[in-house]
Amino acid sequence: MQNTSHAMGKFVTGMAAGMVAGAALGSLLAPSGRDLKRAAHRAAKKVNQAVDHFTDTLDL
């Protein structure tokens, strides 16, 4: 039978390593502020177009 405190230590160590790796990868792949603003502008434009099409369909 395996020592449960040893297994818990391995689990916590693995979890911490995964969190560190995820944080590092996330910071490398994070878009710049300019990219976020551009994407938000495009999304808002598409929403406005969708609303326009919807209201045209309803003849409002």
PDB file of N, CA and C in Angstrom:
ATOM      1  N   MET A   1       0.842  -1.175   0.000  1.00  0.00           N
ATOM      2  CA  MET A   1       0.000   0.000   0.000  1.00  0.00           C
ATOM      3  C   MET A   1       0.889   1.241   0.000  1.00  0.00           C
ATOM      4  N   GLN A   2       0.541   2.208  -0.850  1.00  0.00           N
ATOM      5  CA  GLN A   2       1.370   3.398  -1.012  1.00  0.00           C
ATOM      6  C   GLN A   2       1.068   4.408   0.085  1.00  0.00           C
ATOM      7  N   ASN A   3       2.094   5.121   0.477  1.00  0.00           N
ATOM      8  CA  ASN A   3       1.935   6.154   1.486  1.00  0.00           C
ATOM      9  C   ASN A   3       1.105   7.296   0.902  1.00  0.00           C
ATOM     10  N   THR A   4      -0.008   7.636   1.538  1.00  0.00           N
ATOM     11  CA  THR A   4      -0.911   8.644   0.989  1.00  0.00           C
ATOM     12  C   THR A   4      -0.309  10.039   1.019  1.00  0.00           C
ATOM     13  N   SER A   5       0.541  10.343   1.998  1.00  0.00           N
ATOM     14  CA  SER A   5       1.152  11.669   2.037  1.00  0.00           C
ATOM     15  C   SER A   5       2.144  11.826   0.885  1.00  0.00           C
ATOM     16  N   HIS A   6       2.814  10.736   0.511  1.00  0.00           N
ATOM     17  CA  HIS A   6       3.741  10.770  -0.629  1.00  0.00           C
ATOM     18  C   HIS A   6       2.959  10.978  -1.923  1.00  0.00           C
ATOM     19  N   ALA A   7       1.837  10.301  -2.068  1.00  0.00           N
ATOM     20  CA  ALA A   7       1.001  10.457  -3.258  1.00  0.00           C
ATOM     21  C   ALA A   7       0.428  11.872  -3.330  1.00  0.00           C
ATOM     22  N   MET A   8       0.041  12.416  -2.195  1.00  0.00           N
ATOM     23  CA  MET A   8      -0.495  13.778  -2.177  1.00  0.00           C
ATOM     24  C   MET A   8       0.589  14.782  -2.543  1.00  0.00           C
ATOM     25  N   GLY A   9       1.811  14.544  -2.089  1.00  0.00           N
ATOM     26  CA  GLY A   9       2.933  15.423  -2.433  1.00  0.00           C
ATOM     27  C   GLY A   9       3.206  15.412  -3.920  1.00  0.00           C
ATOM     28  N   LYS A  10       3.142  14.234  -4.522  1.00  0.00           N
ATOM     29  CA  LYS A  10       3.335  14.130  -5.970  1.00  0.00           C
ATOM     30  C   LYS A  10       2.228  14.862  -6.720  1.00  0.00           C
ATOM     31  N   PHE A  11       1.009  14.717  -6.230  1.00  0.00           N
ATOM     32  CA  PHE A  11      -0.125  15.387  -6.867  1.00  0.00           C
ATOM     33  C   PHE A  11       0.043  16.902  -6.810  1.00  0.00           C
ATOM     34  N   VAL A  12       0.375  17.434  -5.645  1.00  0.00           N
ATOM     35  CA  VAL A  12       0.533  18.876  -5.471  1.00  0.00           C
ATOM     36  C   VAL A  12       1.694  19.386  -6.316  1.00  0.00           C
ATOM     37  N   THR A  13       2.783  18.624  -6.371  1.00  0.00           N
ATOM     38  CA  THR A  13       3.928  19.024  -7.195  1.00  0.00           C
ATOM     39  C   THR A  13       3.544  19.046  -8.671  1.00  0.00           C
ATOM     40  N   GLY A  14       2.831  18.047  -9.129  1.00  0.00           N
ATOM     41  CA  GLY A  14       2.386  18.004 -10.516  1.00  0.00           C
ATOM     42  C   GLY A  14       1.414  19.118 -10.836  1.00  0.00           C
ATOM     43  N   MET A  15       0.518  19.405  -9.905  1.00  0.00           N
ATOM     44  CA  MET A  15      -0.446  20.475 -10.111  1.00  0.00           C
ATOM     45  C   MET A  15       0.269  21.827 -10.193  1.00  0.00           C
ATOM     46  N   ALA A  16       1.234  22.050  -9.331  1.00  0.00           N
ATOM     47  CA  ALA A  16       1.984  23.313  -9.343  1.00  0.00           C
ATOM     48  C   ALA A  16       2.781  23.446 -10.636  1.00  0.00           C
ATOM     49  N   ALA A  17       3.389  22.359 -11.091  1.00  0.00           N
ATOM     50  CA  ALA A  17       4.141  22.403 -12.344  1.00  0.00           C
ATOM     51  C   ALA A  17       3.218  22.708 -13.518  1.00  0.00           C
ATOM     52  N   GLY A  18       2.029  22.140 -13.514  1.00  0.00           N
ATOM     53  CA  GLY A  18       1.057  22.416 -14.561  1.00  0.00           C
ATOM     54  C   GLY A  18       0.597  23.860 -14.550  1.00  0.00           C
ATOM     55  N   MET A  19       0.406  24.415 -13.377  1.00  0.00           N
ATOM     56  CA  MET A  19      -0.007  25.818 -13.271  1.00  0.00           C
ATOM     57  C   MET A  19       1.088  26.744 -13.780  1.00  0.00           C
ATOM     58  N   VAL A  20       2.330  26.456 -13.439  1.00  0.00           N
ATOM     59  CA  VAL A  20       3.448  27.282 -13.899  1.00  0.00           C
ATOM     60  C   VAL A  20       3.581  27.196 -15.416  1.00  0.00           C
ATOM     61  N   ALA A  21       3.481  25.978 -15.953  1.00  0.00           N
ATOM     62  CA  ALA A  21       3.575  25.806 -17.405  1.00  0.00           C
ATOM     63  C   ALA A  21       2.423  26.510 -18.113  1.00  0.00           C
ATOM     64  N   GLY A  22       1.230  26.415 -17.579  1.00  0.00           N
ATOM     65  CA  GLY A  22       0.074  27.083 -18.175  1.00  0.00           C
ATOM     66  C   GLY A  22       0.202  28.594 -18.138  1.00  0.00           C
ATOM     67  N   ALA A  23       0.702  29.129 -17.040  1.00  0.00           N
ATOM     68  CA  ALA A  23       0.888  30.578 -16.936  1.00  0.00           C
ATOM     69  C   ALA A  23       1.945  31.056 -17.922  1.00  0.00           C
ATOM     70  N   ALA A  24       3.028  30.298 -18.062  1.00  0.00           N
ATOM     71  CA  ALA A  24       4.081  30.683 -19.000  1.00  0.00           C
ATOM     72  C   ALA A  24       3.568  30.636 -20.436  1.00  0.00           C
ATOM     73  N   LEU A  25       2.871  29.582 -20.778  1.00  0.00           N
ATOM     74  CA  LEU A  25       2.339  29.449 -22.133  1.00  0.00           C
ATOM     75  C   LEU A  25       1.284  30.524 -22.404  1.00  0.00           C
ATOM     76  N   GLY A  26       0.450  30.807 -21.444  1.00  0.00           N
ATOM     77  CA  GLY A  26      -0.561  31.839 -21.604  1.00  0.00           C
ATOM     78  C   GLY A  26       0.039  33.216 -21.823  1.00  0.00           C
ATOM     79  N   SER A  27       1.119  33.513 -21.126  1.00  0.00           N
ATOM     80  CA  SER A  27       1.741  34.823 -21.302  1.00  0.00           C
ATOM     81  C   SER A  27       2.433  34.928 -22.654  1.00  0.00           C
ATOM     82  N   LEU A  28       2.913  33.824 -23.173  1.00  0.00           N
ATOM     83  CA  LEU A  28       3.552  33.845 -24.492  1.00  0.00           C
ATOM     84  C   LEU A  28       2.538  33.999 -25.616  1.00  0.00           C
ATOM     85  N   LEU A  29       1.358  33.429 -25.435  1.00  0.00           N
ATOM     86  CA  LEU A  29       0.357  33.428 -26.494  1.00  0.00           C
ATOM     87  C   LEU A  29      -0.685  34.539 -26.359  1.00  0.00           C
ATOM     88  N   ALA A  30      -0.589  35.351 -25.309  1.00  0.00           N
ATOM     89  CA  ALA A  30      -1.577  36.396 -25.081  1.00  0.00           C
ATOM     90  C   ALA A  30      -1.480  37.469 -26.176  1.00  0.00           C
ATOM     91  N   PRO A  31      -2.618  37.889 -26.727  1.00  0.00           N
ATOM     92  CA  PRO A  31      -2.581  38.933 -27.755  1.00  0.00           C
ATOM     93  C   PRO A  31      -2.242  40.292 -27.148  1.00  0.00           C
ATOM     94  N   SER A  32      -1.718  41.185 -27.967  1.00  0.00           N
ATOM     95  CA  SER A  32      -1.375  42.521 -27.489  1.00  0.00           C
ATOM     96  C   SER A  32      -2.643  43.343 -27.299  1.00  0.00           C
ATOM     97  N   GLY A  33      -2.524  44.467 -26.626  1.00  0.00           N
ATOM     98  CA  GLY A  33      -3.663  45.347 -26.408  1.00  0.00           C
ATOM     99  C   GLY A  33      -4.245  45.848 -27.718  1.00  0.00           C
ATOM    100  N   ARG A  34      -3.369  46.103 -28.683  1.00  0.00           N
ATOM    101  CA  ARG A  34      -3.826  46.586 -29.989  1.00  0.00           C
ATOM    102  C   ARG A  34      -4.675  45.521 -30.682  1.00  0.00           C
ATOM    103  N   ASP A  35      -4.223  44.267 -30.609  1.00  0.00           N
ATOM    104  CA  ASP A  35      -4.995  43.176 -31.217  1.00  0.00           C
ATOM    105  C   ASP A  35      -6.354  43.018 -30.540  1.00  0.00           C
ATOM    106  N   LEU A  36      -6.387  43.168 -29.222  1.00  0.00           N
ATOM    107  CA  LEU A  36      -7.655  43.047 -28.499  1.00  0.00           C
ATOM    108  C   LEU A  36      -8.622  44.157 -28.901  1.00  0.00           C
ATOM    109  N   LYS A  37      -8.105  45.381 -29.020  1.00  0.00           N
ATOM    110  CA  LYS A  37      -8.968  46.495 -29.419  1.00  0.00           C
ATOM    111  C   LYS A  37      -9.507  46.283 -30.829  1.00  0.00           C
ATOM    112  N   ARG A  38      -8.655  45.799 -31.713  1.00  0.00           N
ATOM    113  CA  ARG A  38      -9.070  45.559 -33.098  1.00  0.00           C
ATOM    114  C   ARG A  38     -10.147  44.475 -33.146  1.00  0.00           C
ATOM    115  N   ALA A  39      -9.954  43.409 -32.377  1.00  0.00           N
ATOM    116  CA  ALA A  39     -10.940  42.322 -32.349  1.00  0.00           C
ATOM    117  C   ALA A  39     -12.255  42.800 -31.752  1.00  0.00           C
ATOM    118  N   ALA A  40     -12.189  43.623 -30.719  1.00  0.00           N
ATOM    119  CA  ALA A  40     -13.411  44.147 -30.108  1.00  0.00           C
ATOM    120  C   ALA A  40     -14.155  45.054 -31.090  1.00  0.00           C
ATOM    121  N   HIS A  41     -13.414  45.846 -31.834  1.00  0.00           N
ATOM    122  CA  HIS A  41     -14.041  46.726 -32.829  1.00  0.00           C
ATOM    123  C   HIS A  41     -14.734  45.904 -33.921  1.00  0.00           C
ATOM    124  N   ARG A  42     -14.053  44.867 -34.393  1.00  0.00           N
ATOM    125  CA  ARG A  42     -14.652  43.995 -35.424  1.00  0.00           C
ATOM    126  C   ARG A  42     -15.902  43.311 -34.888  1.00  0.00           C
ATOM    127  N   ALA A  43     -15.840  42.837 -33.639  1.00  0.00           N
ATOM    128  CA  ALA A  43     -16.999  42.159 -33.047  1.00  0.00           C
ATOM    129  C   ALA A  43     -18.175  43.121 -32.902  1.00  0.00           C
ATOM    130  N   ALA A  44     -17.912  44.335 -32.455  1.00  0.00           N
ATOM    131  CA  ALA A  44     -18.982  45.324 -32.307  1.00  0.00           C
ATOM    132  C   ALA A  44     -19.588  45.656 -33.665  1.00  0.00           C
ATOM    133  N   LYS A  45     -18.753  45.754 -34.680  1.00  0.00           N
ATOM    134  CA  LYS A  45     -19.246  46.042 -36.031  1.00  0.00           C
ATOM    135  C   LYS A  45     -20.159  44.923 -36.526  1.00  0.00           C
ATOM    136  N   LYS A  46     -19.764  43.668 -36.269  1.00  0.00           N
ATOM    137  CA  LYS A  46     -20.592  42.531 -36.691  1.00  0.00           C
ATOM    138  C   LYS A  46     -21.915  42.491 -35.937  1.00  0.00           C
ATOM    139  N   VAL A  47     -21.890  42.834 -34.666  1.00  0.00           N
ATOM    140  CA  VAL A  47     -23.132  42.862 -33.888  1.00  0.00           C
ATOM    141  C   VAL A  47     -24.059  43.936 -34.442  1.00  0.00           C
ATOM    142  N   ASN A  48     -23.507  45.104 -34.737  1.00  0.00           N
ATOM    143  CA  ASN A  48     -24.333  46.175 -35.310  1.00  0.00           C
ATOM    144  C   ASN A  48     -24.922  45.757 -36.653  1.00  0.00           C
ATOM    145  N   GLN A  49     -24.139  45.081 -37.477  1.00  0.00           N
ATOM    146  CA  GLN A  49     -24.642  44.598 -38.768  1.00  0.00           C
ATOM    147  C   GLN A  49     -25.753  43.579 -38.568  1.00  0.00           C
ATOM    148  N   ALA A  50     -25.575  42.683 -37.602  1.00  0.00           N
ATOM    149  CA  ALA A  50     -26.595  41.668 -37.331  1.00  0.00           C
ATOM    150  C   ALA A  50     -27.892  42.320 -36.865  1.00  0.00           C
ATOM    151  N   VAL A  51     -27.788  43.332 -36.007  1.00  0.00           N
ATOM    152  CA  VAL A  51     -28.982  44.035 -35.532  1.00  0.00           C
ATOM    153  C   VAL A  51     -29.657  44.746 -36.697  1.00  0.00           C
ATOM    154  N   ASP A  52     -28.866  45.375 -37.565  1.00  0.00           N
ATOM    155  CA  ASP A  52     -29.436  46.045 -38.738  1.00  0.00           C
ATOM    156  C   ASP A  52     -30.183  45.060 -39.631  1.00  0.00           C
ATOM    157  N   HIS A  53     -29.579  43.902 -39.875  1.00  0.00           N
ATOM    158  CA  HIS A  53     -30.244  42.885 -40.707  1.00  0.00           C
ATOM    159  C   HIS A  53     -31.519  42.383 -40.046  1.00  0.00           C
ATOM    160  N   PHE A  54     -31.464  42.200 -38.737  1.00  0.00           N
ATOM    161  CA  PHE A  54     -32.628  41.719 -38.006  1.00  0.00           C
ATOM    162  C   PHE A  54     -33.773  42.727 -38.072  1.00  0.00           C
ATOM    163  N   THR A  55     -33.445  44.017 -37.842  1.00  0.00           N
ATOM    164  CA  THR A  55     -34.499  45.024 -37.881  1.00  0.00           C
ATOM    165  C   THR A  55     -35.024  45.210 -39.306  1.00  0.00           C
ATOM    166  N   ASP A  56     -34.172  45.049 -40.308  1.00  0.00           N
ATOM    167  CA  ASP A  56     -34.643  45.110 -41.695  1.00  0.00           C
ATOM    168  C   ASP A  56     -35.611  43.964 -41.985  1.00  0.00           C
ATOM    169  N   THR A  57     -35.297  42.799 -41.444  1.00  0.00           N
ATOM    170  CA  THR A  57     -36.161  41.639 -41.645  1.00  0.00           C
ATOM    171  C   THR A  57     -37.535  41.873 -41.004  1.00  0.00           C
ATOM    172  N   LEU A  58     -37.548  42.507 -39.839  1.00  0.00           N
ATOM    173  CA  LEU A  58     -38.800  42.783 -39.148  1.00  0.00           C
ATOM    174  C   LEU A  58     -39.472  44.060 -39.644  1.00  0.00           C
ATOM    175  N   ASP A  59     -38.826  44.782 -40.531  1.00  0.00           N
ATOM    176  CA  ASP A  59     -39.319  46.066 -41.040  1.00  0.00           C
ATOM    177  C   ASP A  59     -39.584  47.063 -39.932  1.00  0.00           C
ATOM    178  N   LEU A  60     -38.622  47.220 -39.046  1.00  0.00           N
ATOM    179  CA  LEU A  60     -38.762  48.184 -37.949  1.00  0.00           C
ATOM    180  C   LEU A  60     -38.085  49.485 -38.296  1.00  0.00           C
TER     181      LEU A  60
END
